[in-house]
């Protein structure tokens, strides 16, 4: 894992450290993790893709080994962090960006702000719509509670909806891994990202403007980003392909690592 020092717009004159797993050679695939996890959700993809591609799997600001910024960290800021990371790594050629859940929210902002750096886009178990008022208020309450109580309650709240029933029955080690990542997540970082997600704009109008090759991927039993909602997202993006990962919920890259890796590899190879 590399630690990259970046200029920090949120703290004038200071730098921000971003941790990034950087493996393999060739065309670059940038994997952007979900909330409230870190790069480890992509372990199967890092291993499987790095034999053919250069794979970057960063810890977003506030997660893993990256710098924690208290307050609010927006999806726009996270997208700008990724662009700054590419600059720091001297990656000039366009990349294939794959965003999972919150990583998809960041991906939409990357499209808006750094379109020229995209060779292709993969939207995995995410959604284009902004939060409802109720969901926004829930995120803000979660942020406050995480600061005072830590992240254990968040694991209890989130885990039942993250994986499908088959995963709970036959791959309990994945559920354990997810719980461990939540418990290890820095509370200030989790809270800042929750507030940032609450502020994110509706990206539905952006869908028809996306002009790079795009694939939309969803777990068959995703209870958060519903397959029918994601299929509609794919239809709204000109030329986008749509793939359902069987026997997976919201964490398809972890639950069905080999299948998801193959989808990403086939998509990236065509570009």
Protein backbone atom coordinates (compact mmCIF):
# COMPACT_ATOMS: atom_id res chain seq x y z
CA UNK A 1 0.00 0.00 0.00
CA UNK A 2 1.30 3.45 -0.95
CA UNK A 3 0.73 6.68 0.93
CA UNK A 4 0.39 9.61 -1.48
CA UNK A 5 0.71 13.21 -0.26
CA UNK A 6 -1.79 15.55 -1.93
CA UNK A 7 -2.53 19.27 -1.64
CA UNK A 8 -5.55 19.73 0.61
CA UNK A 9 -8.15 22.27 -0.52
CA UNK A 10 -10.00 21.85 2.76
CA UNK A 11 -6.99 22.94 4.80
CA UNK A 12 -5.11 25.72 3.04
CA UNK A 13 -1.37 25.25 2.91
CA UNK A 14 -1.53 21.72 4.27
CA UNK A 15 -1.35 18.34 2.63
CA UNK A 16 -3.65 15.35 2.73
CA UNK A 17 -2.43 11.74 2.79
CA UNK A 18 -4.28 9.20 0.70
CA UNK A 19 -3.54 5.50 1.08
CA UNK A 20 -3.86 3.53 -2.15
CA UNK A 21 -3.32 -0.09 -3.13
CA UNK A 22 -1.42 0.11 -6.43
CA UNK A 23 -0.82 -3.21 -8.19
CA UNK A 24 -0.24 -4.48 -11.70
CA UNK A 25 0.60 -2.84 -15.00
CA UNK A 26 -1.26 -1.69 -18.08
CA UNK A 27 -4.56 0.13 -18.49
CA UNK A 28 -5.63 1.68 -15.17
CA UNK A 29 -8.75 0.58 -13.29
CA UNK A 30 -9.68 2.78 -10.33
CA UNK A 31 -11.86 1.04 -7.71
CA UNK A 32 -13.81 3.33 -5.35
CA UNK A 33 -15.20 1.72 -2.21
CA UNK A 34 -18.55 1.91 -0.40
CA UNK A 35 -19.51 3.58 2.90
CA UNK A 36 -18.31 3.01 5.61
CA UNK A 37 -15.60 0.67 4.34
CA UNK A 38 -12.16 0.98 2.74
CA UNK A 39 -10.16 -0.52 -0.12
CA UNK A 40 -10.47 -4.01 1.35
CA UNK A 41 -13.92 -4.49 -0.19
CA UNK A 42 -12.03 -4.86 -3.49
CA UNK A 43 -9.54 -7.56 -2.42
CA UNK A 44 -10.86 -10.13 -4.92
CA UNK A 45 -10.74 -7.57 -7.74
CA UNK A 46 -7.26 -6.32 -6.82
CA UNK A 47 -5.95 -9.87 -6.99
CA UNK A 48 -7.89 -10.91 -10.08
CA UNK A 49 -7.48 -7.76 -12.18
CA UNK A 50 -3.85 -6.87 -11.42
CA UNK A 51 -2.58 -9.72 -13.61
CA UNK A 52 -3.83 -7.78 -16.66
CA UNK A 53 -4.34 -4.18 -15.54
CA UNK A 54 -2.93 -1.56 -13.22
CA UNK A 55 -5.36 -1.52 -10.32
CA UNK A 56 -5.72 1.43 -7.93
CA UNK A 57 -7.87 0.91 -4.84
CA UNK A 58 -7.63 3.96 -2.56
CA UNK A 59 -8.98 4.58 0.91
CA UNK A 60 -11.23 7.61 0.47
CA UNK A 61 -10.70 10.63 2.73
CA UNK A 62 -11.66 9.64 6.28
CA UNK A 63 -11.37 5.88 5.79
CA UNK A 64 -8.71 3.23 6.14
CA UNK A 65 -5.25 4.75 6.34
CA UNK A 66 -6.14 8.05 4.63
CA UNK A 67 -6.34 11.37 6.45
CA UNK A 68 -9.50 12.02 8.45
CA UNK A 69 -11.14 15.39 7.84
CA UNK A 70 -13.79 16.28 10.46
CA UNK A 71 -17.01 18.10 9.60
CA UNK A 72 -18.33 17.48 6.10
CA UNK A 73 -16.60 15.75 3.21
CA UNK A 74 -18.65 16.02 0.04
CA UNK A 75 -18.74 13.63 -2.88
CA UNK A 76 -17.28 16.45 -4.98
CA UNK A 77 -14.28 16.65 -2.66
CA UNK A 78 -13.75 12.90 -2.83
CA UNK A 79 -13.85 13.05 -6.64
CA UNK A 80 -11.27 15.86 -6.61
CA UNK A 81 -9.12 13.79 -4.24
CA UNK A 82 -9.11 10.96 -6.79
CA UNK A 83 -8.07 13.31 -9.59
CA UNK A 84 -5.26 14.71 -7.40
CA UNK A 85 -4.16 11.15 -6.64
CA UNK A 86 -3.94 10.37 -10.36
CA UNK A 87 -1.81 13.50 -10.80
CA UNK A 88 0.47 12.46 -7.94
CA UNK A 89 0.92 9.02 -9.51
CA UNK A 90 1.65 10.63 -12.91
CA UNK A 91 -1.27 8.82 -14.53
CA UNK A 92 -2.17 10.90 -17.58
CA UNK A 93 -4.12 8.38 -19.63
CA UNK A 94 -7.86 8.02 -19.02
CA UNK A 95 -8.90 5.41 -16.45
CA UNK A 96 -11.77 2.99 -15.99
CA UNK A 97 -13.51 4.06 -12.77
CA UNK A 98 -15.65 1.56 -10.88
CA UNK A 99 -17.66 2.97 -7.97
CA UNK A 100 -19.51 0.81 -5.43
CA UNK A 101 -22.47 2.37 -3.57
CA UNK A 102 -21.00 5.62 -2.12
CA UNK A 103 -18.21 5.09 -4.63
CA UNK A 104 -20.88 5.47 -7.30
CA UNK A 105 -21.90 8.82 -5.82
CA UNK A 106 -18.26 9.86 -6.08
CA UNK A 107 -18.15 8.52 -9.64
CA UNK A 108 -21.03 10.78 -10.70
CA UNK A 109 -19.08 13.78 -9.40
CA UNK A 110 -15.97 12.56 -11.19
CA UNK A 111 -17.99 12.52 -14.42
CA UNK A 112 -19.10 16.09 -13.77
CA UNK A 113 -15.70 17.44 -12.80
CA UNK A 114 -13.08 15.25 -14.50
CA UNK A 115 -14.76 13.72 -17.55
CA UNK A 116 -11.56 13.95 -19.63
CA UNK A 117 -9.88 11.48 -17.29
CA UNK A 118 -12.43 8.71 -17.92
CA UNK A 119 -11.97 5.87 -20.40
CA UNK A 120 -14.96 4.03 -18.99
CA UNK A 121 -17.36 4.02 -16.06
CA UNK A 122 -18.76 1.17 -13.96
CA UNK A 123 -21.62 1.92 -11.56
CA UNK A 124 -21.98 -0.91 -9.06
CA UNK A 125 -24.83 -1.26 -6.55
CA UNK A 126 -25.46 2.49 -6.35
CA UNK A 127 -28.13 5.02 -7.22
CA UNK A 128 -28.42 8.30 -9.11
CA UNK A 129 -31.23 9.88 -7.07
CA UNK A 130 -30.45 12.13 -4.13
CA UNK A 131 -31.68 11.28 -0.63
CA UNK A 132 -35.25 11.83 0.40
CA UNK A 133 -35.71 14.27 3.28
CA UNK A 134 -36.14 11.34 5.66
CA UNK A 135 -32.97 9.62 4.43
CA UNK A 136 -31.05 12.89 4.69
CA UNK A 137 -32.16 13.36 8.28
CA UNK A 138 -31.22 9.76 9.07
CA UNK A 139 -27.71 10.31 7.73
CA UNK A 140 -27.28 13.42 9.86
CA UNK A 141 -28.50 11.59 12.95
CA UNK A 142 -26.12 8.74 12.16
CA UNK A 143 -23.23 11.21 11.91
CA UNK A 144 -23.95 12.64 15.35
CA UNK A 145 -24.44 9.24 16.91
CA UNK A 146 -21.18 7.86 15.44
CA UNK A 147 -19.25 10.71 17.05
CA UNK A 148 -20.68 10.01 20.49
CA UNK A 149 -21.00 6.20 20.40
CA UNK A 150 -18.54 4.90 17.82
CA UNK A 151 -19.40 2.67 14.87
CA UNK A 152 -20.61 -0.57 16.50
CA UNK A 153 -24.31 0.37 16.23
CA UNK A 154 -23.76 1.12 12.53
CA UNK A 155 -22.57 -2.44 11.94
CA UNK A 156 -25.71 -3.78 13.60
CA UNK A 157 -27.92 -1.46 11.54
CA UNK A 158 -26.28 -1.95 8.15
CA UNK A 159 -25.17 -5.57 7.93
CA UNK A 160 -28.62 -7.22 7.61
CA UNK A 161 -29.25 -5.24 4.40
CA UNK A 162 -25.77 -5.41 2.88
CA UNK A 163 -25.59 -9.09 1.95
CA UNK A 164 -28.05 -11.58 0.55
CA UNK A 165 -29.35 -14.55 2.51
CA UNK A 166 -27.01 -16.98 0.75
CA UNK A 167 -23.98 -14.97 1.86
CA UNK A 168 -25.09 -15.03 5.49
CA UNK A 169 -25.59 -18.81 5.29
CA UNK A 170 -22.64 -19.94 3.22
CA UNK A 171 -20.03 -17.14 3.44
CA UNK A 172 -20.16 -15.89 7.04
CA UNK A 173 -16.51 -14.84 6.75
CA UNK A 174 -17.60 -12.05 4.39
CA UNK A 175 -20.09 -10.72 6.95
CA UNK A 176 -17.35 -10.86 9.59
CA UNK A 177 -14.99 -8.96 7.28
CA UNK A 178 -17.58 -6.24 6.68
CA UNK A 179 -18.26 -5.91 10.41
CA UNK A 180 -14.54 -5.61 11.11
CA UNK A 181 -14.15 -2.82 8.56
CA UNK A 182 -17.07 -0.89 10.06
CA UNK A 183 -15.69 -1.27 13.59
CA UNK A 184 -12.27 -0.09 12.41
CA UNK A 185 -13.60 2.93 10.48
CA UNK A 186 -12.66 6.29 12.08
CA UNK A 187 -15.85 7.82 13.58
CA UNK A 188 -14.99 11.37 12.43
CA UNK A 189 -14.42 10.09 8.90
CA UNK A 190 -17.66 8.13 8.88
CA UNK A 191 -19.60 11.14 10.16
CA UNK A 192 -18.05 13.51 7.60
CA UNK A 193 -18.91 11.17 4.73
CA UNK A 194 -22.47 10.64 6.02
CA UNK A 195 -22.98 14.41 6.04
CA UNK A 196 -21.48 14.63 2.56
CA UNK A 197 -23.81 11.97 1.19
CA UNK A 198 -26.77 13.83 2.68
CA UNK A 199 -25.75 16.88 0.65
CA UNK A 200 -25.21 15.14 -2.66
CA UNK A 201 -27.22 16.39 -5.64
CA UNK A 202 -29.62 14.37 -7.75
CA UNK A 203 -27.56 12.80 -10.53
CA UNK A 204 -30.57 11.53 -12.48
CA UNK A 205 -30.35 14.44 -14.99
CA UNK A 206 -26.68 13.57 -15.54
CA UNK A 207 -27.42 10.06 -16.78
CA UNK A 208 -28.43 11.17 -20.26
CA UNK A 209 -25.27 13.27 -20.54
CA UNK A 210 -22.78 10.49 -19.75
CA UNK A 211 -20.87 9.93 -22.99
CA UNK A 212 -18.17 7.45 -22.03
CA UNK A 213 -18.63 3.66 -22.22
CA UNK A 214 -20.60 2.61 -19.12
CA UNK A 215 -21.60 -0.61 -17.41
CA UNK A 216 -24.18 -0.82 -14.62
CA UNK A 217 -23.80 -3.78 -12.24
CA UNK A 218 -26.13 -4.89 -9.43
CA UNK A 219 -26.41 -7.85 -7.09
CA UNK A 220 -29.44 -10.03 -7.81
CA UNK A 221 -30.83 -9.54 -4.31
CA UNK A 222 -29.62 -5.99 -3.57
CA UNK A 223 -32.12 -4.56 -1.06
CA UNK A 224 -30.63 -1.04 -1.14
CA UNK A 225 -29.96 -0.33 -4.83
CA UNK A 226 -32.82 -2.32 -6.30
CA UNK A 227 -32.07 -4.20 -9.55
CA UNK A 228 -35.04 -2.62 -11.33
CA UNK A 229 -33.84 0.85 -10.30
CA UNK A 230 -30.35 0.12 -11.61
CA UNK A 231 -31.69 -1.31 -14.84
CA UNK A 232 -33.61 1.92 -15.37
CA UNK A 233 -30.35 3.81 -14.71
CA UNK A 234 -28.62 1.77 -17.40
CA UNK A 235 -31.42 2.50 -19.88
CA UNK A 236 -31.01 6.22 -19.22
CA UNK A 237 -27.29 6.15 -20.11
CA UNK A 238 -26.68 6.05 -23.84
CA UNK A 239 -25.20 2.70 -24.87
CA UNK A 240 -24.74 1.41 -21.32
CA UNK A 241 -24.65 -2.32 -20.61
CA UNK A 242 -26.41 -3.88 -17.62
CA UNK A 243 -25.33 -6.93 -15.64
CA UNK A 244 -26.88 -8.75 -12.68
CA UNK A 245 -24.53 -10.62 -10.33
CA UNK A 246 -26.32 -13.81 -9.22
CA UNK A 247 -26.51 -14.73 -5.54
CA UNK A 248 -25.30 -11.33 -4.35
CA UNK A 249 -26.74 -8.42 -2.43
CA UNK A 250 -25.45 -4.87 -2.10
CA UNK A 251 -21.82 -5.95 -1.74
CA UNK A 252 -21.56 -7.90 -5.00
CA UNK A 253 -17.76 -7.44 -5.41
CA UNK A 254 -17.23 -9.19 -2.07
CA UNK A 255 -20.09 -11.68 -2.18
CA UNK A 256 -19.33 -12.89 -5.71
CA UNK A 257 -15.75 -11.77 -6.19
CA UNK A 258 -14.85 -13.95 -9.17
CA UNK A 259 -18.01 -13.13 -11.13
CA UNK A 260 -17.70 -9.37 -10.49
CA UNK A 261 -14.00 -9.41 -11.39
CA UNK A 262 -14.77 -11.12 -14.68
CA UNK A 263 -17.42 -8.51 -15.55
CA UNK A 264 -14.98 -5.66 -14.86
CA UNK A 265 -12.15 -7.35 -16.80
CA UNK A 266 -14.34 -8.02 -19.86
CA UNK A 267 -15.65 -4.46 -19.85
CA UNK A 268 -12.19 -2.88 -19.47
CA UNK A 269 -10.70 -5.12 -22.16
CA UNK A 270 -13.16 -3.81 -24.74
CA UNK A 271 -12.21 -0.16 -24.27
